[in-house]
Amino acid sequence: MKLKEIAKELDLKARAAEDKADREVRGGYVGDLLSDVMGNAREGQVWITRQTHQNIIAVADLKDLAGVIIVNRCEPAKDTVEKANEVGVPLYVSSLPAFELAGRIYVLIAKAKGITFF
């Protein structure tokens, strides 16, 4: 499932590089500790975080993540948006808490793969 499809389905608000959201999302990673994300997130995953500073974009770019979603109605810093546009990392915000957003994304990806739960 493409990031832009997830964004539309979950009413995510684009803040940067929306034109780069055609990437296929291979899974997700939830975390706020940059070193943890650098060590464990995988290429093509979407990163769900509460962090708003520009270092999240550097990590997402380094790990070749599909994009970053900031949760809990938090907004990225201005320099974060600028950096995301500069390097082409899609950046979204969500009103949902991380746990709920991750669950919803998981279900969407599973359904796209033909996996049913209920």
C-alpha atoms as a PDB file:
ATOM      1  CA  MET A   1       0.000   0.000   0.000  1.00  0.00           C
ATOM      2  CA  LYS A   2       1.310   3.430  -0.892  1.00  0.00           C
ATOM      3  CA  LEU A   3       1.912   6.098   1.728  1.00  0.00           C
ATOM      4  CA  LYS A   4      -0.452   8.507  -0.016  1.00  0.00           C
ATOM      5  CA  GLU A   5      -3.242   5.902   0.208  1.00  0.00           C
ATOM      6  CA  ILE A   6      -2.610   5.453   3.922  1.00  0.00           C
ATOM      7  CA  ALA A   7      -2.619   9.224   4.377  1.00  0.00           C
ATOM      8  CA  LYS A   8      -5.955   9.561   2.621  1.00  0.00           C
ATOM      9  CA  GLU A   9      -7.555   6.645   4.460  1.00  0.00           C
ATOM     10  CA  LEU A  10      -6.471   7.890   7.886  1.00  0.00           C
ATOM     11  CA  ASP A  11      -6.936  11.606   7.236  1.00  0.00           C
ATOM     12  CA  LEU A  12      -3.268  12.400   7.795  1.00  0.00           C
ATOM     13  CA  LYS A  13      -2.287  16.010   7.163  1.00  0.00           C
ATOM     14  CA  ALA A  14       0.669  16.555   4.841  1.00  0.00           C
ATOM     15  CA  ARG A  15       3.332  18.977   6.021  1.00  0.00           C
ATOM     16  CA  ALA A  16       6.147  18.295   3.549  1.00  0.00           C
ATOM     17  CA  ALA A  17       7.154  16.389   0.396  1.00  0.00           C
ATOM     18  CA  GLU A  18       3.656  15.067  -0.271  1.00  0.00           C
ATOM     19  CA  ASP A  19       4.667  14.592  -3.913  1.00  0.00           C
ATOM     20  CA  LYS A  20       7.078  11.854  -2.758  1.00  0.00           C
ATOM     21  CA  ALA A  21       4.341   9.794  -1.035  1.00  0.00           C
ATOM     22  CA  ASP A  22       4.041   7.314  -3.919  1.00  0.00           C
ATOM     23  CA  ARG A  23       6.319   4.881  -2.121  1.00  0.00           C
ATOM     24  CA  GLU A  24       5.078   1.489  -1.115  1.00  0.00           C
ATOM     25  CA  VAL A  25       4.992   1.130   2.664  1.00  0.00           C
ATOM     26  CA  ARG A  26       6.558  -2.171   3.687  1.00  0.00           C
ATOM     27  CA  GLY A  27       5.708  -1.859   7.367  1.00  0.00           C
ATOM     28  CA  GLY A  28       6.169   0.564  10.173  1.00  0.00           C
ATOM     29  CA  TYR A  29       8.277   1.496  13.136  1.00  0.00           C
ATOM     30  CA  VAL A  30       7.147   3.334  16.268  1.00  0.00           C
ATOM     31  CA  GLY A  31       9.706   5.082  18.418  1.00  0.00           C
ATOM     32  CA  ASP A  32      11.010   8.375  19.680  1.00  0.00           C
ATOM     33  CA  LEU A  33      14.623   7.512  20.418  1.00  0.00           C
ATOM     34  CA  LEU A  34      16.652   8.351  17.310  1.00  0.00           C
ATOM     35  CA  SER A  35      19.347   5.765  17.956  1.00  0.00           C
ATOM     36  CA  ASP A  36      16.676   3.066  18.331  1.00  0.00           C
ATOM     37  CA  VAL A  37      15.108   4.015  15.008  1.00  0.00           C
ATOM     38  CA  MET A  38      18.518   4.115  13.316  1.00  0.00           C
ATOM     39  CA  GLY A  39      19.284   0.643  14.619  1.00  0.00           C
ATOM     40  CA  ASN A  40      15.934  -1.026  13.994  1.00  0.00           C
ATOM     41  CA  ALA A  41      13.792   0.696  11.371  1.00  0.00           C
ATOM     42  CA  ARG A  42      14.017  -0.767   7.888  1.00  0.00           C
ATOM     43  CA  GLU A  43      13.948   0.697   4.396  1.00  0.00           C
ATOM     44  CA  GLY A  44      10.435   1.362   3.139  1.00  0.00           C
ATOM     45  CA  GLN A  45       8.827   1.511   6.568  1.00  0.00           C
ATOM     46  CA  VAL A  46       6.817   4.474   7.791  1.00  0.00           C
ATOM     47  CA  TRP A  47       8.054   5.956  11.058  1.00  0.00           C
ATOM     48  CA  ILE A  48       5.522   6.987  13.699  1.00  0.00           C
ATOM     49  CA  THR A  49       6.895   9.400  16.298  1.00  0.00           C
ATOM     50  CA  ARG A  50       6.125  12.237  18.685  1.00  0.00           C
ATOM     51  CA  GLN A  51       9.407  13.993  17.879  1.00  0.00           C
ATOM     52  CA  THR A  52       9.140  17.216  15.861  1.00  0.00           C
ATOM     53  CA  HIS A  53      12.738  18.395  15.389  1.00  0.00           C
ATOM     54  CA  GLN A  54      14.649  18.205  12.111  1.00  0.00           C
ATOM     55  CA  ASN A  55      16.801  15.269  13.195  1.00  0.00           C
ATOM     56  CA  ILE A  56      13.855  12.964  12.488  1.00  0.00           C
ATOM     57  CA  ILE A  57      14.187  13.852   8.819  1.00  0.00           C
ATOM     58  CA  ALA A  58      17.915  13.125   8.826  1.00  0.00           C
ATOM     59  CA  VAL A  59      17.228   9.669  10.302  1.00  0.00           C
ATOM     60  CA  ALA A  60      14.351   8.974   7.894  1.00  0.00           C
ATOM     61  CA  ASP A  61      16.552   9.959   4.960  1.00  0.00           C
ATOM     62  CA  LEU A  62      19.482   7.889   6.232  1.00  0.00           C
ATOM     63  CA  LYS A  63      17.279   4.799   6.654  1.00  0.00           C
ATOM     64  CA  ASP A  64      15.385   5.412   3.375  1.00  0.00           C
ATOM     65  CA  LEU A  65      12.043   5.323   5.164  1.00  0.00           C
ATOM     66  CA  ALA A  66       8.806   5.800   3.224  1.00  0.00           C
ATOM     67  CA  GLY A  67       7.885   8.751   5.414  1.00  0.00           C
ATOM     68  CA  VAL A  68       7.374  10.128   8.901  1.00  0.00           C
ATOM     69  CA  ILE A  69       4.105  10.606  10.779  1.00  0.00           C
ATOM     70  CA  ILE A  70       4.027  12.822  13.863  1.00  0.00           C
ATOM     71  CA  VAL A  71       1.255  11.887  16.296  1.00  0.00           C
ATOM     72  CA  ASN A  72      -0.919  13.504  18.987  1.00  0.00           C
ATOM     73  CA  ARG A  73      -1.717  16.628  16.941  1.00  0.00           C
ATOM     74  CA  CYS A  74       1.889  17.771  17.322  1.00  0.00           C
ATOM     75  CA  GLU A  75       3.307  19.968  14.594  1.00  0.00           C
ATOM     76  CA  PRO A  76       6.817  19.798  13.154  1.00  0.00           C
ATOM     77  CA  ALA A  77       9.225  22.659  13.673  1.00  0.00           C
ATOM     78  CA  LYS A  78       9.652  24.997  10.712  1.00  0.00           C
ATOM     79  CA  ASP A  79      13.183  23.743  10.027  1.00  0.00           C
ATOM     80  CA  THR A  80      11.864  20.163  10.071  1.00  0.00           C
ATOM     81  CA  VAL A  81       9.422  20.974   7.280  1.00  0.00           C
ATOM     82  CA  GLU A  82      12.162  22.738   5.318  1.00  0.00           C
ATOM     83  CA  LYS A  83      14.540  19.784   5.677  1.00  0.00           C
ATOM     84  CA  ALA A  84      11.831  17.285   4.700  1.00  0.00           C
ATOM     85  CA  ASN A  85      11.076  19.227   1.524  1.00  0.00           C
ATOM     86  CA  GLU A  86      14.785  19.601   0.785  1.00  0.00           C
ATOM     87  CA  VAL A  87      15.561  15.877   0.967  1.00  0.00           C
ATOM     88  CA  GLY A  88      12.140  14.603  -0.163  1.00  0.00           C
ATOM     89  CA  VAL A  89      10.930  12.812   2.962  1.00  0.00           C
ATOM     90  CA  PRO A  90       7.120  12.837   3.182  1.00  0.00           C
ATOM     91  CA  LEU A  91       6.018  14.284   6.511  1.00  0.00           C
ATOM     92  CA  TYR A  92       2.517  13.973   7.930  1.00  0.00           C
ATOM     93  CA  VAL A  93       0.738  14.705  11.187  1.00  0.00           C
ATOM     94  CA  SER A  94      -2.061  12.781  12.854  1.00  0.00           C
ATOM     95  CA  SER A  95      -4.441  13.543  15.681  1.00  0.00           C
ATOM     96  CA  LEU A  96      -4.241   9.915  16.813  1.00  0.00           C
ATOM     97  CA  PRO A  97      -1.939   8.532  19.506  1.00  0.00           C
ATOM     98  CA  ALA A  98       0.913   6.324  18.250  1.00  0.00           C
ATOM     99  CA  PHE A  99      -0.632   3.045  19.441  1.00  0.00           C
ATOM    100  CA  GLU A 100      -3.908   3.599  17.613  1.00  0.00           C
ATOM    101  CA  LEU A 101      -2.276   4.931  14.456  1.00  0.00           C
ATOM    102  CA  ALA A 102       0.115   1.982  14.269  1.00  0.00           C
ATOM    103  CA  GLY A 103      -2.772  -0.451  14.649  1.00  0.00           C
ATOM    104  CA  ARG A 104      -4.779   1.211  11.913  1.00  0.00           C
ATOM    105  CA  ILE A 105      -1.819   1.260   9.530  1.00  0.00           C
ATOM    106  CA  TYR A 106      -1.114  -2.397  10.267  1.00  0.00           C
ATOM    107  CA  VAL A 107      -4.702  -3.344   9.415  1.00  0.00           C
ATOM    108  CA  LEU A 108      -4.647  -1.295   6.183  1.00  0.00           C
ATOM    109  CA  ILE A 109      -1.419  -2.931   5.000  1.00  0.00           C
ATOM    110  CA  ALA A 110      -2.683  -6.396   5.941  1.00  0.00           C
ATOM    111  CA  LYS A 111      -5.969  -5.867   4.069  1.00  0.00           C
ATOM    112  CA  ALA A 112      -4.044  -4.659   1.023  1.00  0.00           C
ATOM    113  CA  LYS A 113      -2.145  -7.953   1.133  1.00  0.00           C
ATOM    114  CA  GLY A 114      -5.379  -9.934   1.434  1.00  0.00           C
ATOM    115  CA  ILE A 115      -4.911 -10.845   5.092  1.00  0.00           C
ATOM    116  CA  THR A 116      -8.093 -10.844   7.173  1.00  0.00           C
ATOM    117  CA  PHE A 117      -8.338 -10.781  10.948  1.00  0.00           C
ATOM    118  CA  PHE A 118     -11.969 -10.683  11.905  1.00  0.00           C
END
